Amino acid sequence: MAAPVNVQAALDLAGQGINAQSFRFGVTTMESDKYICVKDTGADGAPQVVVIDMHNGNNVTKRPMKAEATLMNPAENIMALKAVAEGQTGQFVQVFNLDTKAKLGVYQSPENIVFWKWVTTRILAFVTQTDVYHWNLDVANSTPEKMFTRAGKLAEAGSQIISYATNAAMTWCLLTGISTQDQGKTIDGNMQLYSVEKKQQQLLEGHAGSFGNLRVTDDGIVAGLFAFSERKVGTQQTKLHIMDISKATPFKIAVEVAMPPEAPGDFAVALHLSEKHGVVYMVTKAGFLLMFDVATGSMLLRSRVSQESIFISTYSNKTGGCLFINRKGQVMSAAVNEQTMVGYVMNQLVQLTNRQEIAFTLARRFGMAGADELFQQEFARCFASGDYKGAATIAGQCKSGMLRTPQIIQQFKSVQAPPGQTSPILHYFSTLLEYGKLNAQESVELCQPVVQQGRRELVEKWLKEDKLECTEQLGDIVRPMDSKFALSIYIRAAVHDKVIQCFVEQGQIDQVVAYAKKVGYQADYTQLLQNMVLSNPEGATN
């Protein structure tokens, strides 16, 4: 059976002529799936910075650079530089837009910056020996704002900061550091979770954490999740905690994690919440990838993906997976295989008693293939019990379209609603509209009674929201009620002759030639003139 996760080699940095000693923490950085930035030394011994644009065919740019550290923006060709200014304490930071050559910000930090991170495309975070700052580069001539003070083990000189993150709303911050009490035999992890709104913190023991906005229930509510890998000092027991810190839901779970038996002291270097696929990725220092179901915490995968230790990892917005780099300079990517994941969970993970529930949840909430039989069974159960809203919801969640057919529409239409209750067919359409765009048949079936009732505002709303699949048939249905709406539908459906007819009916004669030229349509102008005489005599004589 095909693997549930696609793990691929994305790039070999050593093959780009980069020195092997540069493949280490703080020297090679990767803020997103777009850029890798390496502080290196050229063949002539001069310092340089190497930037690889992974969204542009792994294009490599090398620039002479004396700055001690560089950090590429996660989305744009913007670089932050950090250096020591002669005669000054602390460090000097400059931010440049490399496309426009504009200087976006300059700041002289009175303290040494021990870690830095882009938390948005315009906010650069600094961690000094004592505090954490955010620098908003959208504000001209701004200076960094102190967010909070390092506390607990993270305030001690022996702690090395390895990660910093915020949630999307910028209301929660997470600072992570490591330290050792036995000369590196064991690596302890400590985290400081800070609430910006409450100005309160919680100290946690562990090596990695992450934020993400995901659905953990079927009611459509998006939970603001925080996940972290916990390991108490002096133990080798790892726990995965996932909780809704937004309080949108009461969701909270904690599960023990079986780390690889061949590497019992291994620990997470990164944790990623996949908003696209509903899983949590854990990337470990020893080169293992673990994957968990976000709703239950069940481990779905544990696999060695690198023989070399991994020192950096980032989430990929493009794939919903992650990227990581090992000490040999190999860049790897991992992402869920949407076609095989559900089948893998159902058929291969026999140790999980709730595997069918997990598989069906992944299919329902995240649109993965392979659960059509489960959708069919649940739809039939809901319909037979009179839960037409539930049946409609299942139809909307089934991404294969198997429950979006003329036969299903007829099944809902054939049921009469009890007095005073919403009709099943209305449940069906209103629910499908919540899940996205209607197909051609659904659009026609929904609009026919709406047009008969003269509900122009509903048709207008659905067209504006792009909820209807535009076809000639739909345009014909809407046209008697409103030719402007029909024109919009015909244009989207590329029904050229009827687009031109509508322009003529509405007196927009100047638009006829322009439209025909734009779409390359050979109009029959003799026939058009005859139609104009009938429908718009004034326009025909102009």
Protein backbone atom coordinates (compact mmCIF):
# COMPACT_ATOMS: atom_id res chain seq x y z
CA MET A 1 0.00 0.00 0.00
CA ALA A 2 1.25 3.50 -0.83
CA ALA A 3 2.73 5.45 2.07
CA PRO A 4 0.39 7.78 4.00
CA VAL A 5 3.05 10.51 3.99
CA ASN A 6 5.17 11.58 1.03
CA VAL A 7 8.75 12.12 2.21
CA GLN A 8 11.03 13.50 -0.48
CA ALA A 9 14.48 14.99 -0.89
CA ALA A 10 13.86 18.64 -1.76
CA LEU A 11 17.42 19.94 -2.08
CA ASP A 12 21.06 19.10 -1.30
CA LEU A 13 22.74 22.21 0.08
CA ALA A 14 26.19 20.62 -0.17
CA GLY A 15 25.62 20.34 -3.91
CA GLN A 16 25.25 24.14 -4.04
CA GLY A 17 28.87 24.58 -3.01
CA ILE A 18 28.05 25.47 0.59
CA ASN A 19 30.58 24.50 3.26
CA ALA A 20 29.58 21.53 5.41
CA GLN A 21 30.38 23.43 8.62
CA SER A 22 27.57 25.86 7.76
CA PHE A 23 24.90 23.19 8.24
CA ARG A 24 24.17 23.98 11.85
CA PHE A 25 21.75 25.84 14.05
CA GLY A 26 21.88 29.63 13.75
CA VAL A 27 24.02 29.57 10.59
CA THR A 28 21.47 27.96 8.28
CA THR A 29 17.97 29.40 8.74
CA MET A 30 14.59 28.53 7.18
CA GLU A 31 11.72 30.77 8.27
CA SER A 32 9.17 29.24 5.88
CA ASP A 33 8.89 26.97 2.86
CA LYS A 34 10.13 29.82 0.61
CA TYR A 35 13.71 30.70 1.55
CA ILE A 36 16.74 28.96 3.00
CA CYS A 37 19.44 31.38 4.11
CA VAL A 38 23.02 30.29 4.89
CA LYS A 39 25.86 32.41 6.32
CA ASP A 40 28.85 30.93 4.50
CA THR A 41 32.38 31.56 3.32
CA GLY A 42 33.18 31.89 -0.38
CA ALA A 43 36.00 30.13 -2.25
CA ASP A 44 38.19 33.19 -1.68
CA GLY A 45 37.62 33.03 2.07
CA ALA A 46 35.39 36.10 2.07
CA PRO A 47 32.12 35.97 4.06
CA GLN A 48 28.96 35.57 2.00
CA VAL A 49 25.27 34.82 2.38
CA VAL A 50 23.60 32.18 0.23
CA VAL A 51 19.85 32.40 -0.35
CA ILE A 52 17.87 29.58 -1.98
CA ASP A 53 14.38 30.45 -3.23
CA MET A 54 12.43 27.19 -3.04
CA HIS A 55 9.39 28.77 -4.73
CA ASN A 56 11.52 29.66 -7.74
CA GLY A 57 13.10 26.38 -8.81
CA ASN A 58 15.62 26.43 -5.93
CA ASN A 59 17.26 29.48 -7.47
CA VAL A 60 20.53 30.28 -5.64
CA THR A 61 21.77 33.82 -4.95
CA LYS A 62 25.16 34.48 -3.36
CA ARG A 63 26.09 37.90 -1.97
CA PRO A 64 29.18 39.19 -0.16
CA MET A 65 28.08 39.80 3.42
CA LYS A 66 30.08 40.90 6.47
CA ALA A 67 27.12 40.82 8.86
CA GLU A 68 27.42 38.12 11.52
CA ALA A 69 23.91 36.80 10.86
CA THR A 70 21.15 37.10 8.25
CA LEU A 71 17.47 36.12 8.26
CA MET A 72 15.18 36.01 5.21
CA ASN A 73 11.56 37.11 5.44
CA PRO A 74 9.10 34.16 5.25
CA ALA A 75 7.30 35.49 2.16
CA GLU A 76 9.16 38.37 0.48
CA ASN A 77 12.66 39.14 -0.77
CA ILE A 78 13.45 40.98 2.46
CA MET A 79 16.57 40.32 4.50
CA ALA A 80 17.38 41.20 8.11
CA LEU A 81 21.07 41.69 8.96
CA LYS A 82 22.63 41.56 12.42
CA ALA A 83 26.11 42.82 13.31
CA VAL A 84 28.19 44.45 16.05
CA ALA A 85 28.65 48.19 15.49
CA GLU A 86 32.11 49.48 16.32
CA GLY A 87 32.18 51.35 19.62
CA GLN A 88 28.62 50.23 20.52
CA THR A 89 27.37 47.68 23.02
CA GLY A 90 24.79 45.16 21.87
CA GLN A 91 24.01 44.60 18.20
CA PHE A 92 22.94 46.56 15.16
CA VAL A 93 20.00 45.30 13.05
CA GLN A 94 19.04 46.48 9.57
CA VAL A 95 16.21 45.24 7.35
CA PHE A 96 16.32 45.66 3.56
CA ASN A 97 13.91 44.97 0.71
CA LEU A 98 16.29 43.39 -1.80
CA ASP A 99 13.91 44.02 -4.73
CA THR A 100 13.35 47.74 -4.16
CA LYS A 101 16.69 48.35 -2.35
CA ALA A 102 14.67 50.17 0.33
CA LYS A 103 15.83 50.13 3.94
CA LEU A 104 12.79 49.10 6.00
CA GLY A 105 14.26 49.55 9.46
CA VAL A 106 17.38 50.19 11.53
CA TYR A 107 17.78 49.44 15.23
CA GLN A 108 20.67 49.47 17.67
CA SER A 109 19.95 46.94 20.41
CA PRO A 110 21.68 47.75 23.71
CA GLU A 111 21.76 44.01 24.44
CA ASN A 112 23.03 41.06 22.45
CA ILE A 113 20.30 39.35 20.43
CA VAL A 114 20.61 35.61 21.13
CA PHE A 115 17.72 34.54 18.87
CA TRP A 116 15.52 36.16 16.26
CA LYS A 117 12.49 35.09 14.28
CA TRP A 118 10.02 36.51 11.76
CA VAL A 119 6.63 35.94 13.44
CA THR A 120 4.75 37.62 10.55
CA THR A 121 5.88 39.10 7.25
CA ARG A 122 6.29 42.47 8.98
CA ILE A 123 7.05 41.65 12.61
CA LEU A 124 10.56 40.58 13.59
CA ALA A 125 10.98 39.13 17.08
CA PHE A 126 14.19 39.48 19.10
CA VAL A 127 15.20 37.48 22.15
CA THR A 128 17.92 39.05 24.27
CA GLN A 129 19.59 37.68 27.42
CA THR A 130 16.66 38.98 29.48
CA ASP A 131 13.62 39.85 27.33
CA VAL A 132 11.54 39.19 24.21
CA TYR A 133 10.72 42.02 21.79
CA HIS A 134 8.53 42.49 18.69
CA TRP A 135 9.59 44.99 16.01
CA ASN A 136 6.74 46.10 13.73
CA LEU A 137 8.32 47.19 10.46
CA ASP A 138 4.99 48.38 9.09
CA VAL A 139 5.32 51.39 11.40
CA ALA A 140 7.84 53.91 10.08
CA ASN A 141 10.79 54.65 12.38
CA SER A 142 9.48 52.20 14.96
CA THR A 143 11.54 50.53 17.66
CA PRO A 144 11.01 47.05 19.11
CA GLU A 145 8.34 46.69 21.79
CA LYS A 146 9.06 44.56 24.84
CA MET A 147 6.60 41.68 25.08
CA PHE A 148 7.75 39.84 28.22
CA THR A 149 10.76 38.91 30.35
CA ARG A 150 12.42 35.50 30.21
CA ALA A 151 11.55 33.46 33.30
CA GLY A 152 12.35 30.22 35.08
CA LYS A 153 15.08 28.08 33.49
CA LEU A 154 14.87 30.28 30.39
CA ALA A 155 16.19 33.21 32.44
CA GLU A 156 19.34 31.28 33.31
CA ALA A 157 22.58 31.88 31.43
CA GLY A 158 22.98 28.17 30.58
CA SER A 159 19.78 28.05 28.47
CA GLN A 160 20.11 28.21 24.69
CA ILE A 161 17.02 29.63 22.97
CA ILE A 162 16.08 27.39 20.03
CA SER A 163 12.59 28.54 19.06
CA TYR A 164 10.02 31.29 19.33
CA ALA A 165 6.45 31.33 18.02
CA THR A 166 3.17 33.21 18.27
CA ASN A 167 -0.37 32.29 17.37
CA ALA A 168 -1.97 33.96 14.34
CA ALA A 169 -3.86 36.47 16.50
CA MET A 170 -0.60 37.44 18.27
CA THR A 171 -2.25 36.89 21.64
CA TRP A 172 -0.03 33.99 22.73
CA CYS A 173 3.76 33.63 22.61
CA LEU A 174 5.95 30.57 23.15
CA LEU A 175 9.66 30.72 23.94
CA THR A 176 11.64 27.48 23.94
CA GLY A 177 15.17 26.75 25.16
CA ILE A 178 17.42 23.82 25.95
CA SER A 179 20.05 23.23 28.60
CA THR A 180 22.06 20.40 30.12
CA GLN A 181 23.05 19.43 33.63
CA ASP A 182 25.41 16.59 32.68
CA GLN A 183 27.69 18.03 29.98
CA GLY A 184 25.33 17.16 27.14
CA LYS A 185 24.45 13.57 28.00
CA THR A 186 20.82 14.61 28.36
CA ILE A 187 19.23 17.71 26.89
CA ASP A 188 16.51 19.33 28.99
CA GLY A 189 13.85 21.45 27.33
CA ASN A 190 11.97 24.38 28.84
CA MET A 191 9.16 26.54 27.48
CA GLN A 192 7.53 29.77 28.52
CA LEU A 193 3.94 30.21 27.34
CA TYR A 194 2.89 33.84 27.63
CA SER A 195 -0.59 35.40 27.31
CA VAL A 196 -0.33 38.89 25.83
CA GLU A 197 -3.87 39.80 26.91
CA LYS A 198 -3.58 38.59 30.52
CA LYS A 199 0.15 39.36 30.86
CA GLN A 200 0.52 35.97 32.52
CA GLN A 201 2.83 33.08 31.82
CA GLN A 202 3.10 29.37 32.34
CA LEU A 203 6.40 27.50 32.51
CA LEU A 204 6.47 24.09 30.82
CA GLU A 205 9.04 21.32 30.52
CA GLY A 206 9.59 20.12 26.98
CA HIS A 207 11.42 20.73 23.73
CA ALA A 208 8.90 21.93 21.11
CA GLY A 209 5.50 23.57 20.71
CA SER A 210 3.28 25.07 18.06
CA PHE A 211 0.06 27.01 17.44
CA GLY A 212 -2.60 26.46 14.78
CA ASN A 213 -6.26 27.06 13.93
CA LEU A 214 -8.08 23.80 13.23
CA ARG A 215 -11.49 22.19 13.48
CA VAL A 216 -11.61 19.54 16.20
CA THR A 217 -15.41 19.15 16.12
CA ASP A 218 -17.99 18.79 13.35
CA ASP A 219 -19.85 22.01 14.16
CA GLY A 220 -17.59 24.18 12.00
CA ILE A 221 -15.99 26.01 14.93
CA VAL A 222 -12.28 26.63 14.40
CA ALA A 223 -10.26 26.06 17.57
CA GLY A 224 -7.15 28.08 18.38
CA LEU A 225 -4.90 25.18 19.31
CA PHE A 226 -1.62 25.00 21.20
CA ALA A 227 0.35 21.76 21.10
CA PHE A 228 3.56 20.92 22.90
CA SER A 229 5.84 17.98 23.48
CA GLU A 230 6.42 17.56 27.22
CA ARG A 231 9.33 15.81 28.89
CA LYS A 232 9.99 16.29 32.58
CA VAL A 233 13.60 16.76 33.65
CA GLY A 234 15.17 13.45 34.71
CA THR A 235 12.73 11.26 32.73
CA GLN A 236 12.57 9.89 29.20
CA GLN A 237 8.77 9.88 29.07
CA THR A 238 7.36 12.14 26.35
CA LYS A 239 3.78 13.41 26.30
CA LEU A 240 1.91 15.27 23.58
CA HIS A 241 -0.51 17.91 24.84
CA ILE A 242 -3.04 19.60 22.54
CA MET A 243 -5.50 22.19 23.85
CA ASP A 244 -7.76 25.00 22.66
CA ILE A 245 -6.26 28.13 24.22
CA SER A 246 -8.80 30.33 22.42
CA LYS A 247 -11.55 28.68 24.53
CA ALA A 248 -13.74 28.41 21.43
CA THR A 249 -14.15 24.76 22.41
CA PRO A 250 -13.37 22.80 25.63
CA PHE A 251 -10.92 20.66 23.66
CA LYS A 252 -7.93 19.33 25.61
CA ILE A 253 -6.02 16.05 25.31
CA ALA A 254 -2.74 14.58 26.59
CA VAL A 255 -1.25 11.31 25.33
CA GLU A 256 1.97 9.43 26.02
CA VAL A 257 4.30 9.24 23.03
CA ALA A 258 6.26 6.08 22.30
CA MET A 259 9.62 7.45 21.16
CA PRO A 260 11.75 5.23 18.88
CA PRO A 261 13.18 2.33 20.93
CA GLU A 262 16.52 2.70 19.12
CA ALA A 263 16.72 6.34 20.29
CA PRO A 264 15.03 6.52 23.74
CA GLY A 265 16.68 9.84 24.60
CA ASP A 266 15.59 11.44 21.32
CA PHE A 267 13.58 14.66 21.54
CA ALA A 268 11.51 16.92 19.30
CA VAL A 269 13.25 19.78 17.53
CA ALA A 270 9.97 20.96 16.03
CA LEU A 271 6.21 20.44 16.26
CA HIS A 272 3.88 21.49 13.43
CA LEU A 273 0.06 21.65 13.46
CA SER A 274 -1.22 21.00 9.95
CA GLU A 275 -4.26 23.18 9.40
CA LYS A 276 -4.71 21.56 5.99
CA HIS A 277 -4.73 17.91 7.06
CA GLY A 278 -5.62 17.82 10.77
CA VAL A 279 -2.42 16.17 11.95
CA VAL A 280 0.52 17.09 14.17
CA TYR A 281 4.05 16.49 12.90
CA MET A 282 6.89 15.93 15.36
CA VAL A 283 10.40 16.13 13.89
CA THR A 284 13.12 14.75 16.18
CA LYS A 285 16.82 15.46 16.52
CA ALA A 286 17.77 11.84 15.73
CA GLY A 287 15.97 12.02 12.37
CA PHE A 288 12.51 10.59 13.08
CA LEU A 289 9.16 11.87 11.88
CA LEU A 290 6.14 11.18 14.08
CA MET A 291 2.61 12.07 13.04
CA PHE A 292 -0.48 12.28 15.25
CA ASP A 293 -4.19 12.76 14.69
CA VAL A 294 -4.98 16.20 16.11
CA ALA A 295 -8.44 15.27 17.40
CA THR A 296 -7.40 12.20 19.43
CA GLY A 297 -3.62 12.43 19.75
CA SER A 298 -3.32 8.92 18.29
CA MET A 299 0.06 8.22 16.69
CA LEU A 300 -0.46 7.53 12.98
CA LEU A 301 3.17 7.24 11.91
CA ARG A 302 6.70 6.90 13.29
CA SER A 303 9.39 6.62 10.69
CA ARG A 304 13.08 7.38 10.34
CA VAL A 305 13.46 10.05 7.65
CA SER A 306 17.13 10.95 8.12
CA GLN A 307 20.22 9.02 9.18
CA GLU A 308 21.81 12.33 10.18
CA SER A 309 20.63 14.53 13.05
CA ILE A 310 18.08 17.22 12.15
CA PHE A 311 18.68 20.73 13.46
CA ILE A 312 15.97 22.86 11.86
CA SER A 313 12.40 22.45 10.58
CA THR A 314 9.55 24.64 9.36
CA TYR A 315 5.88 24.29 8.41
CA SER A 316 4.95 24.35 4.73
CA ASN A 317 1.89 26.41 3.88
CA LYS A 318 2.00 25.04 0.34
CA THR A 319 1.67 21.37 1.27
CA GLY A 320 0.33 21.42 4.82
CA GLY A 321 3.41 19.39 5.71
CA CYS A 322 6.90 20.35 6.84
CA LEU A 323 10.49 20.79 5.71
CA PHE A 324 13.62 19.90 7.68
CA ILE A 325 17.39 20.05 7.21
CA ASN A 326 19.98 17.62 8.59
CA ARG A 327 23.66 18.09 9.43
CA LYS A 328 24.68 16.91 5.94
CA GLY A 329 22.74 19.79 4.37
CA GLN A 330 19.98 17.57 2.99
CA VAL A 331 16.63 19.37 2.80
CA MET A 332 13.67 17.00 3.08
CA SER A 333 9.93 17.54 2.78
CA ALA A 334 7.06 15.57 4.29
CA ALA A 335 3.33 15.91 3.64
CA VAL A 336 0.20 13.81 3.94
CA ASN A 337 -0.73 11.74 0.89
CA GLU A 338 -4.40 12.78 0.61
CA GLN A 339 -5.27 9.80 -1.58
CA THR A 340 -3.93 7.08 0.72
CA MET A 341 -4.07 8.41 4.29
CA VAL A 342 -7.65 7.35 5.09
CA GLY A 343 -7.20 3.85 3.70
CA TYR A 344 -3.91 3.50 5.56
CA VAL A 345 -5.49 4.46 8.89
CA MET A 346 -8.47 2.12 8.38
CA ASN A 347 -6.55 -0.90 7.11
CA GLN A 348 -3.02 -0.72 8.50
CA LEU A 349 -3.29 0.75 12.00
CA VAL A 350 -4.90 -2.35 13.51
CA GLN A 351 -3.53 -1.44 16.95
CA LEU A 352 -5.91 1.55 17.07
CA THR A 353 -9.40 0.48 18.15
CA ASN A 354 -10.78 3.86 17.01
CA ARG A 355 -9.09 3.78 13.59
CA GLN A 356 -12.37 3.89 11.64
CA GLU A 357 -13.51 6.94 13.58
CA ILE A 358 -10.15 8.67 12.97
CA ALA A 359 -10.24 7.85 9.25
CA PHE A 360 -13.80 9.10 8.84
CA THR A 361 -13.00 12.29 10.77
CA LEU A 362 -9.98 13.03 8.56
CA ALA A 363 -12.15 12.51 5.49
CA ARG A 364 -15.04 14.65 6.78
CA ARG A 365 -13.12 17.59 8.18
CA PHE A 366 -10.14 17.71 5.85
CA GLY A 367 -11.48 16.38 2.56
CA MET A 368 -9.29 13.31 2.19
CA ALA A 369 -10.25 10.53 -0.21
CA GLY A 370 -10.96 6.91 0.57
CA ALA A 371 -13.98 6.95 2.88
CA ASP A 372 -16.85 6.82 0.40
CA GLU A 373 -18.30 3.65 1.92
CA LEU A 374 -18.31 5.23 5.38
CA PHE A 375 -19.97 8.37 4.00
CA GLN A 376 -22.62 6.26 2.30
CA GLN A 377 -23.38 4.31 5.49
CA GLU A 378 -23.61 7.43 7.65
CA PHE A 379 -25.76 9.25 5.08
CA ALA A 380 -28.18 6.31 4.92
CA ARG A 381 -28.34 6.11 8.72
CA CYS A 382 -29.10 9.85 9.09
CA PHE A 383 -31.70 9.83 6.32
CA ALA A 384 -33.48 6.75 7.64
CA SER A 385 -33.72 8.28 11.12
CA GLY A 386 -35.17 11.54 9.76
CA ASP A 387 -32.01 13.55 10.51
CA TYR A 388 -32.08 15.37 7.16
CA LYS A 389 -29.77 18.13 8.38
CA GLY A 390 -27.23 15.48 9.40
CA ALA A 391 -27.59 13.69 6.06
CA ALA A 392 -27.06 17.00 4.23
CA THR A 393 -23.96 17.68 6.32
CA ILE A 394 -22.52 14.28 5.40
CA ALA A 395 -23.22 15.02 1.72
CA GLY A 396 -21.40 18.35 2.02
CA GLN A 397 -18.41 16.75 3.73
CA CYS A 398 -18.03 13.98 1.15
CA LYS A 399 -15.51 15.50 -1.26
CA SER A 400 -15.82 12.77 -3.91
CA GLY A 401 -19.22 14.13 -4.96
CA MET A 402 -20.80 10.71 -4.55
CA LEU A 403 -23.62 12.24 -2.47
CA ARG A 404 -24.08 15.25 -4.77
CA THR A 405 -26.08 13.68 -7.60
CA PRO A 406 -29.54 14.23 -9.18
CA GLN A 407 -30.67 11.03 -7.43
CA ILE A 408 -29.74 12.44 -4.01
CA ILE A 409 -31.55 15.70 -4.80
CA GLN A 410 -34.65 13.70 -5.75
CA GLN A 411 -34.35 11.69 -2.53
CA PHE A 412 -34.53 14.91 -0.48
CA LYS A 413 -37.32 16.38 -2.65
CA SER A 414 -39.44 13.26 -2.18
CA VAL A 415 -39.72 13.81 1.57
CA GLN A 416 -42.46 16.11 2.84
CA ALA A 417 -41.57 18.25 5.84
CA PRO A 418 -43.81 18.09 8.91
CA PRO A 419 -45.93 21.27 9.35
CA GLY A 420 -43.87 24.21 10.58
CA GLN A 421 -40.52 22.55 9.90
CA THR A 422 -37.86 23.23 7.28
CA SER A 423 -38.19 21.06 4.20
CA PRO A 424 -35.46 18.42 3.75
CA ILE A 425 -34.46 19.78 0.32
CA LEU A 426 -33.94 23.23 1.84
CA HIS A 427 -31.75 21.64 4.54
CA TYR A 428 -29.78 20.00 1.76
CA PHE A 429 -29.10 23.17 -0.24
CA SER A 430 -28.50 25.47 2.73
CA THR A 431 -25.99 23.00 4.16
CA LEU A 432 -24.17 22.57 0.84
CA LEU A 433 -23.88 26.36 0.54
CA GLU A 434 -22.06 26.37 3.89
CA TYR A 435 -19.50 23.92 2.49
CA GLY A 436 -18.78 25.84 -0.71
CA LYS A 437 -19.98 25.99 -4.30
CA LEU A 438 -22.97 24.11 -5.72
CA ASN A 439 -22.52 22.01 -8.84
CA ALA A 440 -24.48 22.69 -12.04
CA GLN A 441 -27.49 20.51 -11.22
CA GLU A 442 -27.74 21.82 -7.65
CA SER A 443 -27.52 25.43 -8.84
CA VAL A 444 -30.44 24.91 -11.23
CA GLU A 445 -32.56 23.03 -8.68
CA LEU A 446 -32.01 25.71 -6.03
CA CYS A 447 -32.60 28.72 -8.28
CA GLN A 448 -35.78 27.50 -9.96
CA PRO A 449 -38.08 27.97 -6.92
CA VAL A 450 -36.16 31.05 -5.80
CA VAL A 451 -36.77 32.74 -9.18
CA GLN A 452 -40.42 31.73 -9.07
CA GLN A 453 -40.69 33.50 -5.71
CA GLY A 454 -38.94 36.59 -7.13
CA ARG A 455 -36.14 36.42 -4.52
CA ARG A 456 -33.64 38.57 -6.46
CA GLU A 457 -31.56 39.26 -3.35
CA LEU A 458 -30.75 35.56 -2.87
CA VAL A 459 -29.59 35.08 -6.47
CA GLU A 460 -27.51 38.25 -6.22
CA LYS A 461 -25.94 37.08 -2.94
CA TRP A 462 -25.02 33.65 -4.30
CA LEU A 463 -23.54 35.11 -7.49
CA LYS A 464 -21.44 37.59 -5.50
CA GLU A 465 -20.19 34.80 -3.23
CA ASP A 466 -19.50 32.54 -6.26
CA LYS A 467 -21.73 29.83 -4.79
CA LEU A 468 -23.36 28.81 -8.10
CA GLU A 469 -21.91 26.91 -11.03
CA CYS A 470 -22.82 29.10 -13.97
CA THR A 471 -24.33 27.34 -16.98
CA GLU A 472 -26.53 28.29 -19.92
CA GLN A 473 -29.47 26.54 -18.26
CA LEU A 474 -29.03 28.57 -15.08
CA GLY A 475 -28.82 31.79 -17.09
CA ASP A 476 -32.05 30.89 -18.92
CA ILE A 477 -33.83 30.32 -15.59
CA VAL A 478 -32.68 33.65 -14.12
CA ARG A 479 -33.12 35.76 -17.29
CA PRO A 480 -36.87 36.40 -17.03
CA MET A 481 -36.36 37.78 -13.52
CA ASP A 482 -33.23 39.85 -14.13
CA SER A 483 -31.27 40.04 -17.39
CA LYS A 484 -28.26 41.62 -15.59
CA PHE A 485 -27.90 38.54 -13.41
CA ALA A 486 -28.37 36.35 -16.49
CA LEU A 487 -25.65 38.33 -18.28
CA SER A 488 -23.26 37.69 -15.39
CA ILE A 489 -24.05 33.97 -15.56
CA TYR A 490 -23.66 33.76 -19.35
CA ILE A 491 -20.30 35.57 -19.18
CA ARG A 492 -18.97 33.13 -16.57
CA ALA A 493 -20.34 30.17 -18.55
CA ALA A 494 -18.89 31.57 -21.83
CA VAL A 495 -22.25 31.38 -23.62
CA HIS A 496 -21.17 34.05 -26.11
CA ASP A 497 -24.33 34.41 -28.22
CA LYS A 498 -26.52 34.95 -25.15
CA VAL A 499 -24.02 37.39 -23.63
CA ILE A 500 -24.37 39.49 -26.77
CA GLN A 501 -28.18 39.13 -26.73
CA CYS A 502 -28.23 40.48 -23.17
CA PHE A 503 -25.99 43.41 -24.10
CA VAL A 504 -28.42 44.24 -26.93
CA GLU A 505 -31.49 43.93 -24.67
CA GLN A 506 -29.88 46.24 -22.13
CA GLY A 507 -28.87 48.79 -24.75
CA GLN A 508 -25.14 48.25 -24.15
CA ILE A 509 -24.39 48.25 -27.88
CA ASP A 510 -20.81 49.46 -27.41
CA GLN A 511 -20.09 46.35 -25.34
CA VAL A 512 -21.03 43.95 -28.16
CA VAL A 513 -17.99 44.55 -30.38
CA ALA A 514 -15.64 44.83 -27.39
CA TYR A 515 -16.82 41.51 -25.95
CA ALA A 516 -16.73 39.70 -29.30
CA LYS A 517 -13.17 40.93 -29.87
CA LYS A 518 -12.06 39.98 -26.34
CA VAL A 519 -13.28 36.37 -26.55
CA GLY A 520 -12.64 35.89 -30.28
CA TYR A 521 -16.32 35.36 -31.09
CA GLN A 522 -17.58 35.75 -34.69
CA ALA A 523 -20.91 37.49 -34.21
CA ASP A 524 -23.68 37.41 -36.84
CA TYR A 525 -24.20 41.17 -37.03
CA THR A 526 -27.05 40.93 -39.60
CA GLN A 527 -29.05 38.75 -37.21
CA LEU A 528 -28.04 41.00 -34.33
CA LEU A 529 -29.38 44.08 -36.12
CA GLN A 530 -32.70 42.35 -36.74
CA ASN A 531 -32.92 41.43 -33.05
CA MET A 532 -32.06 45.02 -32.09
CA VAL A 533 -34.86 46.39 -34.24
CA LEU A 534 -37.25 44.16 -32.29
CA SER A 535 -35.85 44.67 -28.78
CA ASN A 536 -34.12 48.04 -28.93
CA PRO A 537 -35.25 50.09 -31.99
CA GLU A 538 -33.52 53.22 -30.74
CA GLY A 539 -30.17 51.47 -30.41
CA ALA A 540 -30.48 49.89 -33.84
CA THR A 541 -30.77 53.28 -35.59
CA ASN A 542 -27.77 54.83 -33.80
